[in-house]
C-alpha atoms as a PDB file:
ATOM      1  CA  MET A   1      -5.389  13.607  10.639  1.00  0.00           C
ATOM      2  CA  HIS A   2      -3.013  11.768   7.497  1.00  0.00           C
ATOM      3  CA  THR A   3      -4.504  10.080   4.976  1.00  0.00           C
ATOM      4  CA  THR A   4      -3.331   7.783   1.989  1.00  0.00           C
ATOM      5  CA  ARG A   5      -4.305   7.700  -1.582  1.00  0.00           C
ATOM      6  CA  ALA A   6      -5.901   4.170  -2.479  1.00  0.00           C
ATOM      7  CA  LYS A   7      -8.382   2.384  -4.895  1.00  0.00           C
ATOM      8  CA  ARG A   8     -11.919   1.131  -4.171  1.00  0.00           C
ATOM      9  CA  VAL A   9     -12.861  -1.611  -5.864  1.00  0.00           C
ATOM     10  CA  GLU A  10     -16.374  -2.348  -6.435  1.00  0.00           C
ATOM     11  CA  ILE A  11     -17.695  -6.041  -7.953  1.00  0.00           C
ATOM     12  CA  ILE A  12     -21.326  -6.850  -8.198  1.00  0.00           C
ATOM     13  CA  ILE A  13     -21.727 -10.602 -10.012  1.00  0.00           C
ATOM     14  CA  GLU A  14     -23.685 -13.257  -9.596  1.00  0.00           C
ATOM     15  CA  ALA A  15     -23.766 -14.583  -6.111  1.00  0.00           C
ATOM     16  CA  PRO A  16     -23.004 -18.291  -6.757  1.00  0.00           C
ATOM     17  CA  MET A  17     -19.950 -16.947  -8.370  1.00  0.00           C
ATOM     18  CA  GLU A  18     -18.712 -15.544  -4.904  1.00  0.00           C
ATOM     19  CA  SER A  19     -16.426 -17.894  -3.467  1.00  0.00           C
ATOM     20  CA  ARG A  20     -14.542 -18.001  -6.879  1.00  0.00           C
ATOM     21  CA  LEU A  21     -14.161 -14.450  -6.848  1.00  0.00           C
ATOM     22  CA  THR A  22     -12.972 -13.978  -3.322  1.00  0.00           C
ATOM     23  CA  ASN A  23     -10.354 -17.003  -3.650  1.00  0.00           C
ATOM     24  CA  VAL A  24      -8.893 -14.566  -6.460  1.00  0.00           C
ATOM     25  CA  LEU A  25      -9.073 -11.264  -4.548  1.00  0.00           C
ATOM     26  CA  ASP A  26      -7.146 -13.236  -1.597  1.00  0.00           C
ATOM     27  CA  ARG A  27      -4.364 -15.195  -4.109  1.00  0.00           C
ATOM     28  CA  SER A  28      -3.766 -12.045  -5.635  1.00  0.00           C
ATOM     29  CA  GLY A  29      -2.737 -10.153  -2.245  1.00  0.00           C
ATOM     30  CA  VAL A  30      -6.124  -8.118  -1.822  1.00  0.00           C
ATOM     31  CA  THR A  31      -5.618  -7.944   2.634  1.00  0.00           C
ATOM     32  CA  GLY A  32      -9.593  -7.704   3.036  1.00  0.00           C
ATOM     33  CA  TYR A  33     -13.117  -7.151   1.496  1.00  0.00           C
ATOM     34  CA  THR A  34     -16.800  -6.566   2.331  1.00  0.00           C
ATOM     35  CA  VAL A  35     -19.363  -8.710   0.916  1.00  0.00           C
ATOM     36  CA  LEU A  36     -22.950  -7.268   0.498  1.00  0.00           C
ATOM     37  CA  PRO A  37     -26.398  -8.544  -0.734  1.00  0.00           C
ATOM     38  CA  VAL A  38     -27.488  -6.639  -3.413  1.00  0.00           C
ATOM     39  CA  LEU A  39     -31.459  -6.350  -3.081  1.00  0.00           C
ATOM     40  CA  GLY A  40     -31.894  -5.698  -6.906  1.00  0.00           C
ATOM     41  CA  GLY A  41     -30.877  -3.199  -9.457  1.00  0.00           C
ATOM     42  CA  SER A  42     -31.557  -2.584 -13.502  1.00  0.00           C
ATOM     43  CA  GLY A  43     -29.428  -3.594 -16.114  1.00  0.00           C
ATOM     44  CA  GLN A  44     -29.486  -4.773 -19.739  1.00  0.00           C
ATOM     45  CA  SER A  45     -31.526  -7.271 -19.139  1.00  0.00           C
ATOM     46  CA  GLY A  46     -34.144  -4.994 -17.912  1.00  0.00           C
ATOM     47  CA  ARG A  47     -35.107  -4.507 -13.349  1.00  0.00           C
ATOM     48  CA  TRP A  48     -34.938  -7.176 -11.284  1.00  0.00           C
ATOM     49  CA  THR A  49     -35.916  -7.524  -7.457  1.00  0.00           C
ATOM     50  CA  ARG A  50     -33.990 -10.362  -4.832  1.00  0.00           C
ATOM     51  CA  GLU A  51     -37.569 -11.124  -3.951  1.00  0.00           C
ATOM     52  CA  GLY A  52     -38.227 -11.934  -8.121  1.00  0.00           C
ATOM     53  CA  GLN A  53     -35.713 -14.819  -7.503  1.00  0.00           C
ATOM     54  CA  VAL A  54     -36.440 -18.522  -7.122  1.00  0.00           C
ATOM     55  CA  SER A  55     -33.561 -18.948  -4.733  1.00  0.00           C
ATOM     56  CA  SER A  56     -30.178 -16.919  -3.863  1.00  0.00           C
ATOM     57  CA  ALA A  57     -28.660 -18.250  -6.642  1.00  0.00           C
ATOM     58  CA  GLY A  58     -30.085 -16.279  -8.495  1.00  0.00           C
ATOM     59  CA  GLY A  59     -29.203 -13.509  -6.983  1.00  0.00           C
ATOM     60  CA  MET A  60     -26.101 -10.404  -6.852  1.00  0.00           C
ATOM     61  CA  VAL A  61     -23.429  -9.690  -4.679  1.00  0.00           C
ATOM     62  CA  ALA A  62     -20.769  -6.239  -4.501  1.00  0.00           C
ATOM     63  CA  ILE A  63     -17.638  -7.288  -3.089  1.00  0.00           C
ATOM     64  CA  VAL A  64     -15.872  -4.142  -1.781  1.00  0.00           C
ATOM     65  CA  CYS A  65     -12.120  -3.761  -0.858  1.00  0.00           C
ATOM     66  CA  ILE A  66      -9.542  -1.178  -0.590  1.00  0.00           C
ATOM     67  CA  LEU A  67      -6.440  -1.432  -1.804  1.00  0.00           C
ATOM     68  CA  ARG A  68      -2.959   0.934  -2.485  1.00  0.00           C
ATOM     69  CA  THR A  69      -2.593   1.671  -6.514  1.00  0.00           C
ATOM     70  CA  GLU A  70      -0.002  -0.341  -7.064  1.00  0.00           C
ATOM     71  CA  ARG A  71      -1.778  -3.577  -6.727  1.00  0.00           C
ATOM     72  CA  LEU A  72      -4.792  -2.240  -8.639  1.00  0.00           C
ATOM     73  CA  ASP A  73      -4.001  -3.810 -11.970  1.00  0.00           C
ATOM     74  CA  ALA A  74      -2.878  -7.197 -11.022  1.00  0.00           C
ATOM     75  CA  MET A  75      -6.098  -7.853  -8.623  1.00  0.00           C
ATOM     76  CA  LEU A  76      -7.725  -6.449 -11.589  1.00  0.00           C
ATOM     77  CA  ASP A  77      -6.040  -9.118 -14.282  1.00  0.00           C
ATOM     78  CA  ALA A  78      -6.854 -11.683 -11.709  1.00  0.00           C
ATOM     79  CA  VAL A  79     -10.846 -10.591 -11.431  1.00  0.00           C
ATOM     80  CA  PHE A  80     -11.544  -9.673 -14.727  1.00  0.00           C
ATOM     81  CA  ASP A  81     -10.899 -13.986 -15.168  1.00  0.00           C
ATOM     82  CA  VAL A  82     -14.163 -14.996 -13.127  1.00  0.00           C
ATOM     83  CA  VAL A  83     -16.118 -11.864 -14.307  1.00  0.00           C
ATOM     84  CA  GLU A  84     -15.703 -11.723 -17.834  1.00  0.00           C
ATOM     85  CA  ARG A  85     -17.842 -14.828 -18.344  1.00  0.00           C
ATOM     86  CA  HIS A  86     -20.407 -13.943 -15.988  1.00  0.00           C
ATOM     87  CA  ILE A  87     -22.927 -10.954 -15.516  1.00  0.00           C
ATOM     88  CA  GLY A  88     -20.649  -8.646 -13.549  1.00  0.00           C
ATOM     89  CA  VAL A  89     -19.558  -5.216 -12.778  1.00  0.00           C
ATOM     90  CA  VAL A  90     -16.313  -3.811 -11.730  1.00  0.00           C
ATOM     91  CA  SER A  91     -15.994  -0.247 -10.745  1.00  0.00           C
ATOM     92  CA  ILE A  92     -13.157   1.824  -9.313  1.00  0.00           C
ATOM     93  CA  THR A  93     -12.812   4.773  -7.569  1.00  0.00           C
ATOM     94  CA  ASP A  94     -10.536   6.848  -6.216  1.00  0.00           C
ATOM     95  CA  CYS A  95     -10.182   7.027  -2.203  1.00  0.00           C
ATOM     96  CA  ASP A  96      -8.167   8.311   1.118  1.00  0.00           C
ATOM     97  CA  VAL A  97      -7.902   6.141   3.378  1.00  0.00           C
ATOM     98  CA  VAL A  98      -7.027   6.346   7.214  1.00  0.00           C
ATOM     99  CA  ARG A  99      -4.284   4.159   8.898  1.00  0.00           C
ATOM    100  CA  ALA A 100      -2.613   3.199   5.327  1.00  0.00           C
ATOM    101  CA  GLU A 101      -0.606   0.040   6.608  1.00  0.00           C
ATOM    102  CA  ARG A 102      -3.270  -1.633   6.439  1.00  0.00           C
ATOM    103  CA  PHE A 103      -4.431  -1.876   3.322  1.00  0.00           C
END
């Protein structure tokens, strides 16, 4: 089976910023992404869980997208404008995809 190299970007950000970030992804040419709830974690502020939040507004989401390598820099520039002022993590990994025309 033929595979093509691509980039997998995972952005963990505060839930209230979800729509702002997905709008930026749409405008920067990302053709698809998945939004997942984050149940808890640990970071600079210590451990936390979604259950410990008063409302879902205090939670986090993970947004995962796969894109062609040549689209990465433009997408990251656009995403950074949102992420830099909020709690969040951006990670990038290499991946192989089947049906590269979808990305």
